[in-house]
Amino acid sequence: MIKVNENYEKLAGNYLFAEIAKRTKEYQAKNPDKKVIRLGIGDVTQPLAPSVVDGLAAGAKEMGSADTFMGYRSDEGYEFLREAIRKMDFLPRGVDIAIDEIFITTGAKEDTANFQELFSLDTKVAVPDPVYPVYVDANVMAGRTGKFVDGRYEGLVYLDCSKVNDFTPELPKEPVDLICLCFPNNPTGQVITKDQLKRWVDYARKNKAVILYDAAYEAYIRDPEIPRSIFEIDGAKEVAVEFRSLSKTAGFTGTRLGYTIVPKDAVAYDSDNKPVPLNKLWNRRQATKFNGVAYLIQKGAYEVFTEKGRAECNKIISYYMENAKIIGDGLKSIGIDFIGGTNSPYIWLKTPGGLSSWDFFDKLINEIQVVGTPGAGFGKCGEGYFRLTSFGKREDVISAVERIKTLKI
């Protein structure tokens, strides 16, 4: 008889954001006259930049002509887009990335989940806590963990992030093979300095480990001293893979496009301890399991990497960062402690009155009809914290902050 992959049965409850959507839907069904403001799931609300729309339209028009019609896409992505990414994202920062080290995909979430397929099942994985759930869940599904016990999976190495260490993970106290890092961080909004990031690169080089570096929110960094790519650190090309996305940079949450940087110098090792290039393995994986991103989507994405398109996208990012300031100022006015919101679209707040994360979720939706994300959904260290996003419409953000100020805490 056919049997299931029992690793899926280890997963703890619903996927976090599906659970939030379920609870919100249930509340609205019981209270149809109440307007709910969502500051939970990190979905954008501003429309695509005009240049992007023009690019999408141009791509669609080309698809409607026999002379310019495009069929199956390139697995790696079209060269015109990869070259534009190279010139806009990396060369100005002194980082020389070749176009065959850039892979165009449908999003960073997919790639951060799928990249673990390249590694053996006995790979020792380290993840920060709190952490974006996909890094953990993908490894659970693959079979690298034991059971879920007391809020954590056996077999994973958790790197505690708390107020004590300024929500910045410390190097593992035991050898690990694969390290997941995300800066600016989701959920805490914390960033990392070049010196701090260098320590991680040095650790990975010394231990022949690999860093999976999620830079999906790099466009929100305002401090010029904060690195926007791990490849700004010497030696990182030997040990790191970087994931980037246009979801929050350019509003592609519904359009879907990301890009993963896999340097040709980055390696893992076979059973004979011989180095195997990750670029080659990922290329082969993509050729088998992925058929590329739609041509017209790549045409629209190309405009993000032009001077005009980038200026338009930066204007939208500034809009969201002003939202973050409004939220932060509101929280300060009522004495709620938080971090984030200055180099990140996320605000990570301490739940008031000693409430648990989900109790605070219930309090917000029931008393003032505001939805956020319980910190406990990001890991054991997230208990007692709560994430708000700045991706709402300005009028909704202002209204939500005014409602929060009325809370009895």
Protein backbone atom coordinates (compact mmCIF):
# COMPACT_ATOMS: atom_id res chain seq x y z
CA MET A 1 0.00 0.00 0.00
CA ILE A 2 1.11 3.58 -0.55
CA LYS A 3 2.27 5.40 2.56
CA VAL A 4 2.56 9.05 3.40
CA ASN A 5 5.72 10.98 4.15
CA GLU A 6 5.30 10.89 7.92
CA ASN A 7 7.57 13.90 8.33
CA TYR A 8 4.58 16.04 7.36
CA GLU A 9 2.76 14.72 10.40
CA LYS A 10 5.47 16.22 12.62
CA LEU A 11 4.48 19.75 11.57
CA ALA A 12 3.01 21.70 14.45
CA GLY A 13 -0.53 22.82 13.59
CA ASN A 14 -1.44 24.97 10.59
CA TYR A 15 1.06 27.13 8.75
CA LEU A 16 1.22 30.35 10.80
CA PHE A 17 -0.29 32.72 8.27
CA ALA A 18 -3.00 30.23 7.28
CA GLU A 19 -3.99 30.07 10.96
CA ILE A 20 -4.16 33.87 11.18
CA ALA A 21 -6.31 34.00 8.03
CA LYS A 22 -8.59 31.29 9.45
CA ARG A 23 -9.11 33.09 12.77
CA THR A 24 -9.66 36.43 11.04
CA LYS A 25 -12.24 34.92 8.69
CA GLU A 26 -14.08 33.34 11.61
CA TYR A 27 -14.17 36.66 13.47
CA GLN A 28 -15.49 38.53 10.43
CA ALA A 29 -18.18 35.92 9.85
CA LYS A 30 -19.44 36.52 13.40
CA ASN A 31 -19.00 40.30 13.21
CA PRO A 32 -19.85 41.38 9.64
CA ASP A 33 -20.43 45.00 10.73
CA LYS A 34 -16.87 45.42 12.05
CA LYS A 35 -14.06 46.72 9.85
CA VAL A 36 -10.93 44.66 10.41
CA ILE A 37 -7.55 46.27 9.69
CA ARG A 38 -4.82 43.80 8.75
CA LEU A 39 -1.26 44.54 9.86
CA GLY A 40 -0.33 40.88 10.13
CA ILE A 41 0.59 39.10 6.89
CA GLY A 42 3.31 41.01 5.06
CA ASP A 43 1.34 41.62 1.87
CA VAL A 44 1.78 44.92 0.07
CA THR A 45 -1.08 47.29 -0.74
CA GLN A 46 0.42 49.85 -3.13
CA PRO A 47 0.11 49.16 -6.88
CA LEU A 48 3.00 48.23 -9.11
CA ALA A 49 5.25 51.06 -10.27
CA PRO A 50 4.25 52.64 -13.63
CA SER A 51 7.46 51.46 -15.29
CA VAL A 52 6.78 47.89 -14.20
CA VAL A 53 3.24 48.03 -15.57
CA ASP A 54 4.62 49.32 -18.87
CA GLY A 55 7.12 46.46 -18.93
CA LEU A 56 4.41 43.88 -18.27
CA ALA A 57 2.26 45.38 -21.03
CA ALA A 58 5.17 45.36 -23.46
CA GLY A 59 5.87 41.73 -22.63
CA ALA A 60 2.21 40.79 -23.12
CA LYS A 61 2.16 42.59 -26.47
CA GLU A 62 5.26 40.69 -27.60
CA MET A 63 3.57 37.44 -26.62
CA GLY A 64 0.70 38.37 -28.92
CA SER A 65 2.88 38.61 -32.03
CA ALA A 66 4.28 35.67 -33.97
CA ASP A 67 7.53 37.58 -34.51
CA THR A 68 8.21 38.10 -30.78
CA PHE A 69 6.33 35.22 -29.16
CA MET A 70 8.31 33.34 -26.48
CA GLY A 71 7.68 29.68 -25.60
CA TYR A 72 9.32 27.68 -22.84
CA ARG A 73 11.35 29.96 -20.62
CA SER A 74 14.98 29.70 -19.69
CA ASP A 75 15.33 27.77 -16.41
CA GLU A 76 17.88 30.26 -15.11
CA GLY A 77 16.06 33.38 -16.34
CA TYR A 78 16.57 35.63 -19.34
CA GLU A 79 20.01 37.19 -19.67
CA PHE A 80 18.60 40.71 -20.05
CA LEU A 81 17.16 40.53 -16.52
CA ARG A 82 20.13 38.81 -14.91
CA GLU A 83 22.53 41.36 -16.39
CA ALA A 84 20.34 44.21 -15.12
CA ILE A 85 20.34 42.69 -11.61
CA ARG A 86 24.11 42.33 -11.71
CA LYS A 87 24.58 45.98 -12.69
CA MET A 88 22.01 47.48 -10.33
CA ASP A 89 22.23 45.32 -7.20
CA PHE A 90 25.83 44.20 -6.97
CA LEU A 91 28.41 46.12 -9.00
CA PRO A 92 27.67 49.46 -7.23
CA ARG A 93 28.44 47.72 -3.92
CA GLY A 94 31.76 46.38 -5.16
CA VAL A 95 30.43 42.84 -5.61
CA ASP A 96 31.16 41.08 -8.91
CA ILE A 97 28.48 38.47 -9.50
CA ALA A 98 28.39 36.69 -12.87
CA ILE A 99 25.03 36.31 -14.60
CA ASP A 100 25.31 32.52 -14.50
CA GLU A 101 25.37 32.81 -10.70
CA ILE A 102 21.93 34.50 -10.76
CA PHE A 103 18.83 32.30 -10.96
CA ILE A 104 15.44 33.93 -11.62
CA THR A 105 12.61 32.22 -9.72
CA THR A 106 9.05 32.82 -8.61
CA GLY A 107 10.06 34.03 -5.15
CA ALA A 108 12.43 33.82 -2.20
CA LYS A 109 9.97 31.72 -0.17
CA GLU A 110 10.09 28.92 -2.70
CA ASP A 111 13.87 28.93 -2.97
CA THR A 112 14.57 29.13 0.76
CA ALA A 113 12.32 26.09 1.13
CA ASN A 114 13.74 24.18 -1.83
CA PHE A 115 17.45 24.79 -1.51
CA GLN A 116 17.77 22.32 1.37
CA GLU A 117 17.17 19.54 -1.19
CA LEU A 118 20.81 19.79 -2.23
CA PHE A 119 22.08 18.58 1.15
CA SER A 120 22.17 15.19 2.83
CA LEU A 121 19.54 14.25 5.39
CA ASP A 122 22.11 14.12 8.18
CA THR A 123 22.93 17.80 7.67
CA LYS A 124 22.92 19.64 11.00
CA VAL A 125 20.80 22.77 10.55
CA ALA A 126 20.95 25.93 12.67
CA VAL A 127 18.09 28.41 12.68
CA PRO A 128 17.52 31.58 14.70
CA ASP A 129 14.56 31.69 17.06
CA PRO A 130 12.30 33.53 16.33
CA VAL A 131 12.48 32.61 12.66
CA TYR A 132 10.48 32.73 9.43
CA PRO A 133 8.61 29.37 9.56
CA VAL A 134 9.57 28.15 6.09
CA TYR A 135 13.22 27.55 7.03
CA VAL A 136 12.14 25.17 9.77
CA ASP A 137 9.16 23.52 8.09
CA ALA A 138 11.06 22.66 4.90
CA ASN A 139 13.65 20.76 6.91
CA VAL A 140 10.96 19.02 8.93
CA MET A 141 9.27 17.87 5.71
CA ALA A 142 12.61 16.62 4.39
CA GLY A 143 13.17 14.47 7.47
CA ARG A 144 16.04 16.24 9.21
CA THR A 145 14.29 16.60 12.54
CA GLY A 146 12.78 14.57 15.29
CA LYS A 147 9.49 15.26 17.02
CA PHE A 148 8.10 18.65 18.03
CA VAL A 149 8.72 18.82 21.78
CA ASP A 150 8.16 21.83 24.05
CA GLY A 151 7.96 24.28 21.13
CA ARG A 152 10.98 22.99 19.21
CA TYR A 153 11.97 20.21 16.83
CA GLU A 154 14.48 17.65 18.00
CA GLY A 155 17.58 17.64 15.83
CA LEU A 156 17.62 21.33 14.91
CA VAL A 157 20.08 23.74 16.51
CA TYR A 158 18.19 26.83 17.69
CA LEU A 159 19.99 30.15 18.03
CA ASP A 160 18.10 32.14 20.66
CA CYS A 161 17.37 35.78 19.82
CA SER A 162 16.09 37.90 22.68
CA LYS A 163 16.37 41.33 24.19
CA VAL A 164 19.46 40.08 26.04
CA ASN A 165 21.45 39.72 22.79
CA ASP A 166 19.59 42.51 20.95
CA PHE A 167 17.70 39.92 18.90
CA THR A 168 20.89 38.98 17.04
CA PRO A 169 21.85 35.29 16.97
CA GLU A 170 25.19 34.23 18.39
CA LEU A 171 27.47 31.69 16.76
CA PRO A 172 26.50 28.06 17.42
CA LYS A 173 28.09 26.43 20.44
CA GLU A 174 28.27 23.15 18.52
CA PRO A 175 29.36 22.39 14.94
CA VAL A 176 26.63 22.85 12.34
CA ASP A 177 26.56 22.37 8.57
CA LEU A 178 23.77 24.65 7.34
CA ILE A 179 22.92 28.07 8.78
CA CYS A 180 19.79 30.06 7.98
CA LEU A 181 20.10 33.83 8.41
CA CYS A 182 17.71 36.63 7.46
CA PHE A 183 18.59 40.35 7.59
CA PRO A 184 16.78 42.68 7.81
CA ASN A 185 15.12 40.06 9.91
CA ASN A 186 11.65 38.69 9.54
CA PRO A 187 10.02 38.85 12.07
CA THR A 188 12.04 41.14 14.37
CA GLY A 189 13.14 43.83 11.91
CA GLN A 190 16.68 43.63 13.31
CA VAL A 191 19.71 44.26 11.07
CA ILE A 192 23.33 43.13 11.28
CA THR A 193 26.61 45.01 10.93
CA LYS A 194 29.43 44.04 8.59
CA ASP A 195 31.60 43.00 11.54
CA GLN A 196 28.84 40.76 12.89
CA LEU A 197 28.20 39.23 9.48
CA LYS A 198 31.92 38.63 8.97
CA ARG A 199 31.95 36.45 12.08
CA TRP A 200 29.33 34.23 10.46
CA VAL A 201 31.26 34.01 7.21
CA ASP A 202 34.45 33.18 9.09
CA TYR A 203 32.61 30.50 11.09
CA ALA A 204 31.22 28.93 7.91
CA ARG A 205 34.62 28.90 6.23
CA LYS A 206 36.28 27.34 9.26
CA ASN A 207 33.62 24.64 9.64
CA LYS A 208 32.98 24.02 5.93
CA ALA A 209 29.38 25.06 6.46
CA VAL A 210 26.95 26.88 4.16
CA ILE A 211 24.92 29.99 4.98
CA LEU A 212 21.50 30.42 3.40
CA TYR A 213 21.10 34.20 3.55
CA ASP A 214 17.63 35.66 3.09
CA ALA A 215 17.97 39.28 1.94
CA ALA A 216 14.37 39.75 0.85
CA TYR A 217 14.11 43.07 2.75
CA GLU A 218 17.47 44.62 1.85
CA ALA A 219 15.78 47.47 -0.03
CA TYR A 220 14.38 48.77 3.28
CA ILE A 221 17.80 49.39 4.82
CA ARG A 222 18.34 53.09 5.41
CA ASP A 223 21.64 52.97 7.31
CA PRO A 224 24.48 53.12 4.73
CA GLU A 225 26.80 51.21 7.07
CA ILE A 226 24.55 48.13 7.12
CA PRO A 227 25.39 45.51 4.46
CA ARG A 228 22.71 44.89 1.85
CA SER A 229 24.28 41.63 0.66
CA ILE A 230 26.33 38.96 2.40
CA PHE A 231 28.67 39.10 -0.59
CA GLU A 232 29.95 42.45 0.63
CA ILE A 233 31.90 40.33 3.13
CA ASP A 234 35.24 38.89 1.96
CA GLY A 235 35.09 35.13 1.55
CA ALA A 236 31.29 34.93 1.49
CA LYS A 237 31.20 33.59 -2.06
CA GLU A 238 32.84 30.41 -0.76
CA VAL A 239 30.15 29.66 1.81
CA ALA A 240 26.93 31.57 1.12
CA VAL A 241 23.84 31.53 -1.06
CA GLU A 242 21.65 34.63 -1.10
CA PHE A 243 17.92 34.88 -1.71
CA ARG A 244 16.30 38.08 -2.98
CA SER A 245 12.77 38.98 -3.90
CA LEU A 246 10.74 41.66 -5.64
CA SER A 247 7.70 40.93 -3.46
CA LYS A 248 8.37 43.77 -1.01
CA THR A 249 10.95 45.65 -3.10
CA ALA A 250 8.58 46.20 -6.03
CA GLY A 251 5.17 44.91 -4.98
CA PHE A 252 5.43 41.53 -6.71
CA THR A 253 3.58 39.56 -4.02
CA GLY A 254 0.89 38.72 -6.57
CA THR A 255 3.13 38.87 -9.63
CA ARG A 256 5.87 36.60 -8.23
CA LEU A 257 9.53 37.01 -9.03
CA GLY A 258 12.64 36.45 -6.96
CA TYR A 259 16.28 35.67 -7.65
CA THR A 260 18.82 33.48 -5.94
CA ILE A 261 22.57 34.04 -6.07
CA VAL A 262 24.61 30.82 -6.07
CA PRO A 263 28.33 31.61 -6.45
CA LYS A 264 30.40 29.09 -8.39
CA ASP A 265 32.89 29.04 -5.50
CA ALA A 266 30.29 27.81 -2.99
CA VAL A 267 30.54 24.08 -2.34
CA ALA A 268 29.27 21.19 -0.29
CA TYR A 269 31.12 17.88 0.06
CA ASP A 270 30.44 14.33 -1.07
CA SER A 271 31.06 11.15 0.94
CA ASP A 272 34.71 11.23 -0.13
CA ASN A 273 35.05 14.81 1.17
CA LYS A 274 35.43 16.12 -2.37
CA PRO A 275 33.92 19.58 -2.99
CA VAL A 276 30.84 19.75 -5.21
CA PRO A 277 29.81 23.18 -6.59
CA LEU A 278 26.35 24.22 -5.40
CA ASN A 279 25.84 26.27 -8.55
CA LYS A 280 26.01 23.12 -10.66
CA LEU A 281 23.68 21.20 -8.35
CA TRP A 282 21.10 24.00 -8.17
CA ASN A 283 21.19 24.45 -11.94
CA ARG A 284 20.47 20.74 -12.36
CA ARG A 285 17.72 20.82 -9.76
CA GLN A 286 16.02 23.77 -11.45
CA ALA A 287 16.27 22.18 -14.90
CA THR A 288 14.39 19.15 -13.57
CA LYS A 289 11.81 20.74 -11.27
CA PHE A 290 11.30 24.28 -12.58
CA ASN A 291 10.38 25.66 -15.98
CA GLY A 292 11.23 29.30 -15.45
CA VAL A 293 9.35 32.54 -14.78
CA ALA A 294 6.94 33.86 -17.40
CA TYR A 295 8.54 36.09 -20.03
CA LEU A 296 6.18 39.00 -19.46
CA ILE A 297 6.83 38.89 -15.70
CA GLN A 298 10.56 39.08 -16.36
CA LYS A 299 9.94 42.00 -18.72
CA GLY A 300 8.11 43.83 -15.95
CA ALA A 301 10.82 42.94 -13.43
CA TYR A 302 13.52 44.31 -15.72
CA GLU A 303 12.10 47.80 -15.20
CA VAL A 304 12.83 47.55 -11.47
CA PHE A 305 16.52 47.54 -12.39
CA THR A 306 16.41 50.71 -14.47
CA GLU A 307 17.07 54.12 -12.94
CA LYS A 308 13.48 55.25 -13.52
CA GLY A 309 11.91 52.04 -12.25
CA ARG A 310 14.13 51.89 -9.18
CA ALA A 311 13.24 55.50 -8.30
CA GLU A 312 9.54 54.65 -8.55
CA CYS A 313 9.96 51.56 -6.37
CA ASN A 314 11.99 53.51 -3.79
CA LYS A 315 9.15 55.99 -3.54
CA ILE A 316 6.78 53.14 -2.66
CA ILE A 317 9.27 51.75 -0.14
CA SER A 318 9.49 55.19 1.47
CA TYR A 319 5.69 55.16 1.76
CA TYR A 320 5.85 51.91 3.74
CA MET A 321 8.71 53.17 5.89
CA GLU A 322 6.66 56.24 6.78
CA ASN A 323 3.91 53.83 7.80
CA ALA A 324 6.46 52.10 10.04
CA LYS A 325 7.34 55.41 11.65
CA ILE A 326 3.66 56.14 12.31
CA ILE A 327 3.27 52.74 13.99
CA GLY A 328 6.46 53.19 16.00
CA ASP A 329 5.51 56.68 17.16
CA GLY A 330 2.10 55.38 18.24
CA LEU A 331 3.60 52.54 20.25
CA LYS A 332 6.08 54.89 21.92
CA SER A 333 3.25 57.22 22.94
CA ILE A 334 1.63 54.48 25.03
CA GLY A 335 4.85 52.98 26.36
CA ILE A 336 5.00 49.74 24.37
CA ASP A 337 8.57 48.54 23.85
CA PHE A 338 9.58 47.47 20.32
CA ILE A 339 12.41 47.15 17.81
CA GLY A 340 12.45 47.37 14.02
CA GLY A 341 10.72 49.83 11.76
CA THR A 342 13.83 51.85 10.91
CA ASN A 343 15.68 49.54 8.48
CA SER A 344 12.80 47.15 8.04
CA PRO A 345 9.04 47.16 7.37
CA TYR A 346 8.43 45.07 10.49
CA ILE A 347 7.82 46.21 14.05
CA TRP A 348 8.48 43.65 16.78
CA LEU A 349 6.78 44.64 20.02
CA LYS A 350 6.67 43.26 23.55
CA THR A 351 3.13 42.27 24.38
CA PRO A 352 1.84 44.50 27.19
CA GLY A 353 0.49 43.30 30.51
CA GLY A 354 2.30 39.98 30.35
CA LEU A 355 -0.12 38.67 27.72
CA SER A 356 0.88 35.69 25.62
CA SER A 357 1.30 36.27 21.90
CA TRP A 358 -2.00 34.62 20.92
CA ASP A 359 -3.87 36.25 23.81
CA PHE A 360 -2.70 39.61 22.51
CA PHE A 361 -3.85 38.59 19.01
CA ASP A 362 -7.30 37.83 20.42
CA LYS A 363 -7.35 41.09 22.38
CA LEU A 364 -6.53 43.16 19.30
CA ILE A 365 -9.05 41.56 16.99
CA ASN A 366 -11.86 41.38 19.54
CA GLU A 367 -11.45 44.81 21.11
CA ILE A 368 -10.19 47.04 18.29
CA GLN A 369 -10.41 44.85 15.14
CA VAL A 370 -6.70 44.99 14.31
CA VAL A 371 -4.87 41.88 13.09
CA GLY A 372 -1.17 41.28 13.70
CA THR A 373 1.08 38.24 13.92
CA PRO A 374 1.70 36.42 17.22
CA GLY A 375 5.40 36.14 17.91
CA ALA A 376 4.99 32.61 19.23
CA GLY A 377 4.26 31.53 15.66
CA PHE A 378 7.90 32.29 14.81
CA GLY A 379 9.38 30.13 17.55
CA LYS A 380 9.72 29.60 21.27
CA CYS A 381 11.64 32.85 21.77
CA GLY A 382 8.83 34.73 20.06
CA GLU A 383 6.42 34.06 22.91
CA GLY A 384 5.41 37.33 24.54
CA TYR A 385 6.10 39.29 21.35
CA PHE A 386 4.01 40.42 18.40
CA ARG A 387 4.76 41.51 14.83
CA LEU A 388 3.10 44.39 13.01
CA THR A 389 3.80 45.20 9.37
CA SER A 390 3.88 48.58 7.66
CA PHE A 391 2.43 47.36 4.35
CA GLY A 392 -1.09 48.67 4.93
CA LYS A 393 -2.72 51.65 3.27
CA ARG A 394 -1.85 54.91 5.02
CA GLU A 395 -5.39 55.60 6.19
CA ASP A 396 -5.67 52.09 7.64
CA VAL A 397 -2.31 52.38 9.41
CA ILE A 398 -3.31 55.69 10.98
CA SER A 399 -6.67 54.25 12.02
CA ALA A 400 -5.05 51.12 13.47
CA VAL A 401 -2.61 53.18 15.52
CA GLU A 402 -5.44 55.31 16.90
CA ARG A 403 -7.29 52.14 17.86
CA ILE A 404 -4.18 50.69 19.54
CA LYS A 405 -3.89 53.85 21.63
CA THR A 406 -7.32 53.13 23.10
CA LEU A 407 -6.34 49.67 24.35
CA LYS A 408 -6.68 49.11 28.06
CA ILE A 409 -3.33 47.59 28.98
